[in-house]
Amino acid sequence: GPDGAVKNYATSWDKVIRNIYDNDDFGGQLSKT
């Protein structure tokens, strides 16, 4: 940002997987029985 604050978006496979798993269209479907 203009104030020099940095927010990282580069990721790791672990973070990618966590985001996918937390998606209701993925992990949310596994709990429906």
Full PDB file with SEQRES, HELIX, SHEET, SSBOND, CRYST1, ORIGX, SCALE, CONECT and MASTER records, all heavy atoms in Angstrom:
SEQRES   1 A   33  GLY PRO ASP GLY ALA VAL LYS ASN TYR ALA THR SER TRP          
SEQRES   2 A   33  ASP LYS VAL ILE ARG ASN ILE TYR ASP ASN ASP ASP PHE          
SEQRES   3 A   33  GLY GLY GLN LEU SER LYS THR                                  
HELIX    1 AA1 TRP A   13  ASP A   22  1                                  10    
HELIX    2 AA2 GLY A   27  LEU A   30  1                                   4    
CRYST1    1.000    1.000    1.000  90.00  90.00  90.00 P 1           1          
ORIGX1      1.000000  0.000000  0.000000        0.00000                         
ORIGX2      0.000000  1.000000  0.000000        0.00000                         
ORIGX3      0.000000  0.000000  1.000000        0.00000                         
SCALE1      1.000000  0.000000  0.000000        0.00000                         
SCALE2      0.000000  1.000000  0.000000        0.00000                         
SCALE3      0.000000  0.000000  1.000000        0.00000                         
ATOM      1  N   GLY A   1       0.799  -1.214   0.000  1.00  0.00           N  
ATOM      2  CA  GLY A   1       0.000   0.000   0.000  1.00  0.00           C  
ATOM      3  C   GLY A   1       0.833   1.265   0.000  1.00  0.00           C  
ATOM      4  O   GLY A   1       2.054   1.233   0.195  1.00  0.00           O  
ATOM      5  N   PRO A   2       0.177   2.392  -0.214  1.00  0.00           N  
ATOM      6  CA  PRO A   2       0.891   3.679  -0.195  1.00  0.00           C  
ATOM      7  C   PRO A   2       1.607   3.940   1.123  1.00  0.00           C  
ATOM      8  O   PRO A   2       2.600   4.675   1.157  1.00  0.00           O  
ATOM      9  CB  PRO A   2      -0.235   4.696  -0.431  1.00  0.00           C  
ATOM     10  CG  PRO A   2      -1.319   3.929  -1.118  1.00  0.00           C  
ATOM     11  CD  PRO A   2      -1.245   2.544  -0.566  1.00  0.00           C  
ATOM     12  N   ASP A   3       1.114   3.340   2.222  1.00  0.00           N  
ATOM     13  CA  ASP A   3       1.759   3.530   3.530  1.00  0.00           C  
ATOM     14  C   ASP A   3       2.903   2.547   3.756  1.00  0.00           C  
ATOM     15  O   ASP A   3       3.517   2.525   4.830  1.00  0.00           O  
ATOM     16  CB  ASP A   3       0.730   3.384   4.643  1.00  0.00           C  
ATOM     17  CG  ASP A   3       0.062   2.004   4.639  1.00  0.00           C  
ATOM     18  OD1 ASP A   3       0.317   1.222   3.694  1.00  0.00           O  
ATOM     19  OD2 ASP A   3      -0.721   1.724   5.568  1.00  0.00           O  
ATOM     20  N   GLY A   4       3.185   1.709   2.745  1.00  0.00           N  
ATOM     21  CA  GLY A   4       4.287   0.751   2.861  1.00  0.00           C  
ATOM     22  C   GLY A   4       3.894  -0.580   3.471  1.00  0.00           C  
ATOM     23  O   GLY A   4       4.705  -1.512   3.510  1.00  0.00           O  
ATOM     24  N   ALA A   5       2.653  -0.698   3.947  1.00  0.00           N  
ATOM     25  CA  ALA A   5       2.206  -1.966   4.542  1.00  0.00           C  
ATOM     26  C   ALA A   5       2.084  -3.030   3.453  1.00  0.00           C  
ATOM     27  O   ALA A   5       1.596  -2.757   2.345  1.00  0.00           O  
ATOM     28  CB  ALA A   5       0.876  -1.776   5.249  1.00  0.00           C  
ATOM     29  N   VAL A   6       2.525  -4.240   3.784  1.00  0.00           N  
ATOM     30  CA  VAL A   6       2.560  -5.331   2.811  1.00  0.00           C  
ATOM     31  C   VAL A   6       1.595  -6.435   3.229  1.00  0.00           C  
ATOM     32  O   VAL A   6       1.551  -6.838   4.393  1.00  0.00           O  
ATOM     33  CB  VAL A   6       3.984  -5.913   2.681  1.00  0.00           C  
ATOM     34  CG1 VAL A   6       3.989  -7.152   1.793  1.00  0.00           C  
ATOM     35  CG2 VAL A   6       4.927  -4.850   2.117  1.00  0.00           C  
ATOM     36  N   LYS A   7       0.802  -6.903   2.263  1.00  0.00           N  
ATOM     37  CA  LYS A   7      -0.056  -8.062   2.486  1.00  0.00           C  
ATOM     38  C   LYS A   7       0.323  -9.128   1.474  1.00  0.00           C  
ATOM     39  O   LYS A   7       0.238  -8.909   0.262  1.00  0.00           O  
ATOM     40  CB  LYS A   7      -1.530  -7.699   2.349  1.00  0.00           C  
ATOM     41  CG  LYS A   7      -2.451  -8.875   2.662  1.00  0.00           C  
ATOM     42  CD  LYS A   7      -3.924  -8.464   2.634  1.00  0.00           C  
ATOM     43  CE  LYS A   7      -4.809  -9.651   2.975  1.00  0.00           C  
ATOM     44  NZ  LYS A   7      -6.254  -9.284   2.958  1.00  0.00           N  
ATOM     45  N   ASN A   8       0.740 -10.297   1.958  1.00  0.00           N  
ATOM     46  CA  ASN A   8       1.222 -11.364   1.076  1.00  0.00           C  
ATOM     47  C   ASN A   8       0.068 -12.183   0.513  1.00  0.00           C  
ATOM     48  O   ASN A   8      -0.872 -12.537   1.230  1.00  0.00           O  
ATOM     49  CB  ASN A   8       2.178 -12.294   1.829  1.00  0.00           C  
ATOM     50  CG  ASN A   8       3.528 -11.645   2.061  1.00  0.00           C  
ATOM     51  OD1 ASN A   8       4.155 -11.153   1.128  1.00  0.00           O  
ATOM     52  ND2 ASN A   8       3.968 -11.614   3.308  1.00  0.00           N  
ATOM     53  N   TYR A   9       0.174 -12.498  -0.769  1.00  0.00           N  
ATOM     54  CA  TYR A   9      -0.793 -13.383  -1.429  1.00  0.00           C  
ATOM     55  C   TYR A   9      -0.126 -14.621  -1.995  1.00  0.00           C  
ATOM     56  O   TYR A   9      -0.810 -15.605  -2.298  1.00  0.00           O  
ATOM     57  CB  TYR A   9      -1.528 -12.637  -2.542  1.00  0.00           C  
ATOM     58  CG  TYR A   9      -2.502 -11.618  -2.010  1.00  0.00           C  
ATOM     59  CD1 TYR A   9      -2.125 -10.286  -1.845  1.00  0.00           C  
ATOM     60  CD2 TYR A   9      -3.789 -11.986  -1.645  1.00  0.00           C  
ATOM     61  CE1 TYR A   9      -3.014  -9.349  -1.342  1.00  0.00           C  
ATOM     62  CE2 TYR A   9      -4.685 -11.050  -1.136  1.00  0.00           C  
ATOM     63  CZ  TYR A   9      -4.292  -9.741  -0.993  1.00  0.00           C  
ATOM     64  OH  TYR A   9      -5.172  -8.809  -0.484  1.00  0.00           O  
ATOM     65  N   ALA A  10       1.191 -14.561  -2.204  1.00  0.00           N  
ATOM     66  CA  ALA A  10       1.907 -15.773  -2.619  1.00  0.00           C  
ATOM     67  C   ALA A  10       1.660 -16.839  -1.563  1.00  0.00           C  
ATOM     68  O   ALA A  10       1.636 -16.560  -0.362  1.00  0.00           O  
ATOM     69  CB  ALA A  10       3.395 -15.492  -2.766  1.00  0.00           C  
ATOM     70  N   THR A  11       1.479 -18.053  -1.987  1.00  0.00           N  
ATOM     71  CA  THR A  11       0.967 -19.060  -1.068  1.00  0.00           C  
ATOM     72  C   THR A  11       1.769 -20.349  -1.147  1.00  0.00           C  
ATOM     73  O   THR A  11       2.694 -20.478  -1.940  1.00  0.00           O  
ATOM     74  CB  THR A  11      -0.522 -19.323  -1.380  1.00  0.00           C  
ATOM     75  OG1 THR A  11      -1.068 -20.176  -0.376  1.00  0.00           O  
ATOM     76  CG2 THR A  11      -0.694 -19.987  -2.739  1.00  0.00           C  
ATOM     77  N   SER A  12       1.384 -21.276  -0.324  1.00  0.00           N  
ATOM     78  CA  SER A  12       1.976 -22.616  -0.320  1.00  0.00           C  
ATOM     79  C   SER A  12       0.882 -23.613  -0.651  1.00  0.00           C  
ATOM     80  O   SER A  12      -0.312 -23.293  -0.618  1.00  0.00           O  
ATOM     81  CB  SER A  12       2.558 -22.931   1.067  1.00  0.00           C  
ATOM     82  OG  SER A  12       1.517 -23.001   2.028  1.00  0.00           O  
ATOM     83  N   TRP A  13       1.283 -24.840  -0.947  1.00  0.00           N  
ATOM     84  CA  TRP A  13       0.275 -25.861  -1.241  1.00  0.00           C  
ATOM     85  C   TRP A  13      -0.626 -26.101  -0.029  1.00  0.00           C  
ATOM     86  O   TRP A  13      -1.829 -26.341  -0.174  1.00  0.00           O  
ATOM     87  CB  TRP A  13       0.939 -27.160  -1.691  1.00  0.00           C  
ATOM     88  CG  TRP A  13       1.433 -27.124  -3.108  1.00  0.00           C  
ATOM     89  CD1 TRP A  13       2.710 -27.247  -3.555  1.00  0.00           C  
ATOM     90  CD2 TRP A  13       0.633 -26.937  -4.286  1.00  0.00           C  
ATOM     91  NE1 TRP A  13       2.767 -27.145  -4.928  1.00  0.00           N  
ATOM     92  CE2 TRP A  13       1.499 -26.953  -5.395  1.00  0.00           C  
ATOM     93  CE3 TRP A  13      -0.730 -26.741  -4.502  1.00  0.00           C  
ATOM     94  CZ2 TRP A  13       1.046 -26.808  -6.703  1.00  0.00           C  
ATOM     95  CZ3 TRP A  13      -1.191 -26.590  -5.814  1.00  0.00           C  
ATOM     96  CH2 TRP A  13      -0.306 -26.621  -6.895  1.00  0.00           C  
ATOM     97  N   ASP A  14      -0.065 -26.030   1.168  1.00  0.00           N  
ATOM     98  CA  ASP A  14      -0.885 -26.237   2.366  1.00  0.00           C  
ATOM     99  C   ASP A  14      -2.002 -25.197   2.460  1.00  0.00           C  
ATOM    100  O   ASP A  14      -3.145 -25.514   2.805  1.00  0.00           O  
ATOM    101  CB  ASP A  14      -0.015 -26.190   3.631  1.00  0.00           C  
ATOM    102  CG  ASP A  14       0.812 -27.458   3.814  1.00  0.00           C  
ATOM    103  OD1 ASP A  14       0.355 -28.521   3.347  1.00  0.00           O  
ATOM    104  OD2 ASP A  14       1.894 -27.375   4.415  1.00  0.00           O  
ATOM    105  N   LYS A  15      -1.671 -23.934   2.161  1.00  0.00           N  
ATOM    106  CA  LYS A  15      -2.688 -22.879   2.213  1.00  0.00           C  
ATOM    107  C   LYS A  15      -3.716 -23.045   1.100  1.00  0.00           C  
ATOM    108  O   LYS A  15      -4.917 -22.821   1.305  1.00  0.00           O  
ATOM    109  CB  LYS A  15      -2.016 -21.509   2.112  1.00  0.00           C  
ATOM    110  CG  LYS A  15      -1.189 -21.129   3.340  1.00  0.00           C  
ATOM    111  CD  LYS A  15      -0.559 -19.762   3.163  1.00  0.00           C  
ATOM    112  CE  LYS A  15       0.284 -19.384   4.377  1.00  0.00           C  
ATOM    113  NZ  LYS A  15       0.956 -18.071   4.184  1.00  0.00           N  
ATOM    114  N   VAL A  16      -3.239 -23.428  -0.083  1.00  0.00           N  
ATOM    115  CA  VAL A  16      -4.162 -23.677  -1.197  1.00  0.00           C  
ATOM    116  C   VAL A  16      -5.165 -24.758  -0.821  1.00  0.00           C  
ATOM    117  O   VAL A  16      -6.382 -24.619  -1.016  1.00  0.00           O  
ATOM    118  CB  VAL A  16      -3.387 -24.078  -2.474  1.00  0.00           C  
ATOM    119  CG1 VAL A  16      -4.341 -24.617  -3.538  1.00  0.00           C  
ATOM    120  CG2 VAL A  16      -2.618 -22.888  -3.025  1.00  0.00           C  
ATOM    121  N   ILE A  17      -4.648 -25.845  -0.251  1.00  0.00           N  
ATOM    122  CA  ILE A  17      -5.511 -26.971   0.124  1.00  0.00           C  
ATOM    123  C   ILE A  17      -6.501 -26.553   1.202  1.00  0.00           C  
ATOM    124  O   ILE A  17      -7.681 -26.924   1.157  1.00  0.00           O  
ATOM    125  CB  ILE A  17      -4.660 -28.155   0.611  1.00  0.00           C  
ATOM    126  CG1 ILE A  17      -3.716 -28.634  -0.509  1.00  0.00           C  
ATOM    127  CG2 ILE A  17      -5.530 -29.299   1.086  1.00  0.00           C  
ATOM    128  CD1 ILE A  17      -4.391 -28.973  -1.792  1.00  0.00           C  
ATOM    129  N   ARG A  18      -6.043 -25.787   2.167  1.00  0.00           N  
ATOM    130  CA  ARG A  18      -6.935 -25.338   3.242  1.00  0.00           C  
ATOM    131  C   ARG A  18      -8.082 -24.508   2.669  1.00  0.00           C  
ATOM    132  O   ARG A  18      -9.251 -24.685   3.047  1.00  0.00           O  
ATOM    133  CB  ARG A  18      -6.138 -24.538   4.277  1.00  0.00           C  
ATOM    134  CG  ARG A  18      -6.953 -23.795   5.301  1.00  0.00           C  
ATOM    135  CD  ARG A  18      -7.935 -24.685   6.055  1.00  0.00           C  
ATOM    136  NE  ARG A  18      -7.257 -25.628   6.937  1.00  0.00           N  
ATOM    137  CZ  ARG A  18      -7.901 -26.516   7.675  1.00  0.00           C  
ATOM    138  NH1 ARG A  18      -9.230 -26.599   7.619  1.00  0.00           N  
ATOM    139  NH2 ARG A  18      -7.227 -27.344   8.450  1.00  0.00           N  
ATOM    140  N   ASN A  19      -7.780 -23.609   1.739  1.00  0.00           N  
ATOM    141  CA  ASN A  19      -8.827 -22.783   1.133  1.00  0.00           C  
ATOM    142  C   ASN A  19      -9.827 -23.627   0.355  1.00  0.00           C  
ATOM    143  O   ASN A  19     -11.036 -23.375   0.388  1.00  0.00           O  
ATOM    144  CB  ASN A  19      -8.204 -21.724   0.217  1.00  0.00           C  
ATOM    145  CG  ASN A  19      -7.512 -20.626   0.993  1.00  0.00           C  
ATOM    146  OD1 ASN A  19      -7.845 -20.360   2.141  1.00  0.00           O  
ATOM    147  ND2 ASN A  19      -6.534 -19.982   0.364  1.00  0.00           N  
ATOM    148  N   ILE A  20      -9.325 -24.625  -0.359  1.00  0.00           N  
ATOM    149  CA  ILE A  20     -10.217 -25.508  -1.119  1.00  0.00           C  
ATOM    150  C   ILE A  20     -11.095 -26.318  -0.164  1.00  0.00           C  
ATOM    151  O   ILE A  20     -12.304 -26.445  -0.357  1.00  0.00           O  
ATOM    152  CB  ILE A  20      -9.407 -26.433  -2.039  1.00  0.00           C  
ATOM    153  CG1 ILE A  20      -8.727 -25.623  -3.156  1.00  0.00           C  
ATOM    154  CG2 ILE A  20     -10.299 -27.518  -2.651  1.00  0.00           C  
ATOM    155  CD1 ILE A  20      -7.771 -26.429  -4.012  1.00  0.00           C  
ATOM    156  N   TYR A  21     -10.467 -26.854   0.873  1.00  0.00           N  
ATOM    157  CA  TYR A  21     -11.201 -27.707   1.813  1.00  0.00           C  
ATOM    158  C   TYR A  21     -12.292 -26.911   2.537  1.00  0.00           C  
ATOM    159  O   TYR A  21     -13.379 -27.433   2.816  1.00  0.00           O  
ATOM    160  CB  TYR A  21     -10.240 -28.321   2.824  1.00  0.00           C  
ATOM    161  CG  TYR A  21     -10.871 -29.403   3.678  1.00  0.00           C  
ATOM    162  CD1 TYR A  21     -11.052 -30.684   3.178  1.00  0.00           C  
ATOM    163  CD2 TYR A  21     -11.289 -29.137   4.982  1.00  0.00           C  
ATOM    164  CE1 TYR A  21     -11.630 -31.683   3.949  1.00  0.00           C  
ATOM    165  CE2 TYR A  21     -11.869 -30.117   5.766  1.00  0.00           C  
ATOM    166  CZ  TYR A  21     -12.037 -31.384   5.249  1.00  0.00           C  
ATOM    167  OH  TYR A  21     -12.623 -32.368   6.010  1.00  0.00           O  
ATOM    168  N   ASP A  22     -12.019 -25.644   2.834  1.00  0.00           N  
ATOM    169  CA  ASP A  22     -12.990 -24.810   3.546  1.00  0.00           C  
ATOM    170  C   ASP A  22     -14.120 -24.312   2.645  1.00  0.00           C  
ATOM    171  O   ASP A  22     -15.105 -23.761   3.141  1.00  0.00           O  
ATOM    172  CB  ASP A  22     -12.286 -23.606   4.177  1.00  0.00           C  
ATOM    173  CG  ASP A  22     -11.400 -24.010   5.356  1.00  0.00           C  
ATOM    174  OD1 ASP A  22     -11.588 -25.131   5.876  1.00  0.00           O  
ATOM    175  OD2 ASP A  22     -10.519 -23.220   5.737  1.00  0.00           O  
ATOM    176  N   ASN A  23     -13.972 -24.507   1.348  1.00  0.00           N  
ATOM    177  CA  ASN A  23     -15.014 -24.105   0.402  1.00  0.00           C  
ATOM    178  C   ASN A  23     -16.227 -25.023   0.584  1.00  0.00           C  
ATOM    179  O   ASN A  23     -16.105 -26.249   0.546  1.00  0.00           O  
ATOM    180  CB  ASN A  23     -14.469 -24.213  -1.029  1.00  0.00           C  
ATOM    181  CG  ASN A  23     -15.439 -23.682  -2.068  1.00  0.00           C  
ATOM    182  OD1 ASN A  23     -16.651 -23.638  -1.865  1.00  0.00           O  
ATOM    183  ND2 ASN A  23     -14.901 -23.290  -3.200  1.00  0.00           N  
ATOM    184  N   ASP A  24     -17.403 -24.448   0.755  1.00  0.00           N  
ATOM    185  CA  ASP A  24     -18.601 -25.259   0.976  1.00  0.00           C  
ATOM    186  C   ASP A  24     -18.888 -26.183  -0.200  1.00  0.00           C  
ATOM    187  O   ASP A  24     -19.480 -27.257  -0.020  1.00  0.00           O  
ATOM    188  CB  ASP A  24     -19.811 -24.362   1.227  1.00  0.00           C  
ATOM    189  CG  ASP A  24     -21.057 -25.155   1.586  1.00  0.00           C  
ATOM    190  OD1 ASP A  24     -21.032 -25.863   2.612  1.00  0.00           O  
ATOM    191  OD2 ASP A  24     -22.033 -25.098   0.816  1.00  0.00           O  
ATOM    192  N   ASP A  25     -18.462 -25.798  -1.399  1.00  0.00           N  
ATOM    193  CA  ASP A  25     -18.686 -26.644  -2.569  1.00  0.00           C  
ATOM    194  C   ASP A  25     -17.703 -27.807  -2.639  1.00  0.00           C  
ATOM    195  O   ASP A  25     -17.808 -28.656  -3.537  1.00  0.00           O  
ATOM    196  CB  ASP A  25     -18.574 -25.815  -3.855  1.00  0.00           C  
ATOM    197  CG  ASP A  25     -19.767 -24.884  -4.030  1.00  0.00           C  
ATOM    198  OD1 ASP A  25     -20.840 -25.211  -3.500  1.00  0.00           O  
ATOM    199  OD2 ASP A  25     -19.617 -23.841  -4.686  1.00  0.00           O  
ATOM    200  N   PHE A  26     -16.759 -27.851  -1.700  1.00  0.00           N  
ATOM    201  CA  PHE A  26     -15.837 -28.988  -1.626  1.00  0.00           C  
ATOM    202  C   PHE A  26     -15.982 -29.679  -0.269  1.00  0.00           C  
ATOM    203  O   PHE A  26     -16.716 -30.658  -0.125  1.00  0.00           O  
ATOM    204  CB  PHE A  26     -14.396 -28.544  -1.864  1.00  0.00           C  
ATOM    205  CG  PHE A  26     -13.420 -29.677  -1.914  1.00  0.00           C  
ATOM    206  CD1 PHE A  26     -13.181 -30.353  -3.101  1.00  0.00           C  
ATOM    207  CD2 PHE A  26     -12.725 -30.096  -0.773  1.00  0.00           C  
ATOM    208  CE1 PHE A  26     -12.286 -31.410  -3.156  1.00  0.00           C  
ATOM    209  CE2 PHE A  26     -11.831 -31.143  -0.817  1.00  0.00           C  
ATOM    210  CZ  PHE A  26     -11.616 -31.811  -2.018  1.00  0.00           C  
ATOM    211  N   GLY A  27     -15.321 -29.154   0.753  1.00  0.00           N  
ATOM    212  CA  GLY A  27     -15.367 -29.786   2.070  1.00  0.00           C  
ATOM    213  C   GLY A  27     -16.764 -29.829   2.651  1.00  0.00           C  
ATOM    214  O   GLY A  27     -17.140 -30.798   3.340  1.00  0.00           O  
ATOM    215  N   GLY A  28     -17.566 -28.808   2.366  1.00  0.00           N  
ATOM    216  CA  GLY A  28     -18.930 -28.774   2.887  1.00  0.00           C  
ATOM    217  C   GLY A  28     -19.794 -29.902   2.375  1.00  0.00           C  
ATOM    218  O   GLY A  28     -20.722 -30.357   3.055  1.00  0.00           O  
ATOM    219  N   GLN A  29     -19.495 -30.391   1.170  1.00  0.00           N  
ATOM    220  CA  GLN A  29     -20.293 -31.472   0.584  1.00  0.00           C  
ATOM    221  C   GLN A  29     -19.992 -32.828   1.230  1.00  0.00           C  
ATOM    222  O   GLN A  29     -20.811 -33.750   1.177  1.00  0.00           O  
ATOM    223  CB  GLN A  29     -20.035 -31.560  -0.922  1.00  0.00           C  
ATOM    224  CG  GLN A  29     -20.329 -30.282  -1.684  1.00  0.00           C  
ATOM    225  CD  GLN A  29     -21.772 -29.832  -1.542  1.00  0.00           C  
ATOM    226  OE1 GLN A  29     -22.702 -30.598  -1.764  1.00  0.00           O  
ATOM    227  NE2 GLN A  29     -21.958 -28.571  -1.143  1.00  0.00           N  
ATOM    228  N   LEU A  30     -18.810 -32.958   1.829  1.00  0.00           N  
ATOM    229  CA  LEU A  30     -18.412 -34.248   2.411  1.00  0.00           C  
ATOM    230  C   LEU A  30     -19.168 -34.568   3.694  1.00  0.00           C  
ATOM    231  O   LEU A  30     -19.236 -35.737   4.100  1.00  0.00           O  
ATOM    232  CB  LEU A  30     -16.902 -34.250   2.676  1.00  0.00           C  
ATOM    233  CG  LEU A  30     -16.007 -34.097   1.443  1.00  0.00           C  
ATOM    234  CD1 LEU A  30     -14.548 -33.978   1.861  1.00  0.00           C  
ATOM    235  CD2 LEU A  30     -16.196 -35.264   0.489  1.00  0.00           C  
ATOM    236  N   SER A  31     -19.711 -33.546   4.330  1.00  0.00           N  
ATOM    237  CA  SER A  31     -20.412 -33.768   5.606  1.00  0.00           C  
ATOM    238  C   SER A  31     -21.907 -34.015   5.423  1.00  0.00           C  
ATOM    239  O   SER A  31     -22.609 -34.321   6.387  1.00  0.00           O  
ATOM    240  CB  SER A  31     -20.200 -32.565   6.524  1.00  0.00           C  
ATOM    241  OG  SER A  31     -20.716 -31.387   5.918  1.00  0.00           O  
ATOM    242  N   LYS A  32     -22.417 -33.891   4.207  1.00  0.00           N  
ATOM    243  CA  LYS A  32     -23.849 -34.094   3.957  1.00  0.00           C  
ATOM    244  C   LYS A  32     -24.113 -35.585   3.753  1.00  0.00           C  
ATOM    245  O   LYS A  32     -23.525 -36.206   2.867  1.00  0.00           O  
ATOM    246  CB  LYS A  32     -24.293 -33.295   2.728  1.00  0.00           C  
ATOM    247  CG  LYS A  32     -24.055 -31.790   2.851  1.00  0.00           C  
ATOM    248  CD  LYS A  32     -24.486 -31.066   1.585  1.00  0.00           C  
ATOM    249  CE  LYS A  32     -24.077 -29.594   1.606  1.00  0.00           C  
ATOM    250  NZ  LYS A  32     -24.715 -28.836   2.665  1.00  0.00           N  
ATOM    251  N   THR A  33     -25.003 -36.149   4.558  1.00  0.00           N  
ATOM    252  CA  THR A  33     -25.267 -37.597   4.478  1.00  0.00           C  
ATOM    253  C   THR A  33     -26.748 -37.951   4.494  1.00  0.00           C  
ATOM    254  O   THR A  33     -27.120 -39.057   4.090  1.00  0.00           O  
ATOM    255  CB  THR A  33     -24.593 -38.331   5.648  1.00  0.00           C  
ATOM    256  OG1 THR A  33     -25.159 -37.871   6.887  1.00  0.00           O  
ATOM    257  CG2 THR A  33     -23.091 -38.094   5.669  1.00  0.00           C  
TER     258      THR A  33                                                      
MASTER        0    0    0    2    0    0    0    6  257    1    0    3          
END                                                                             
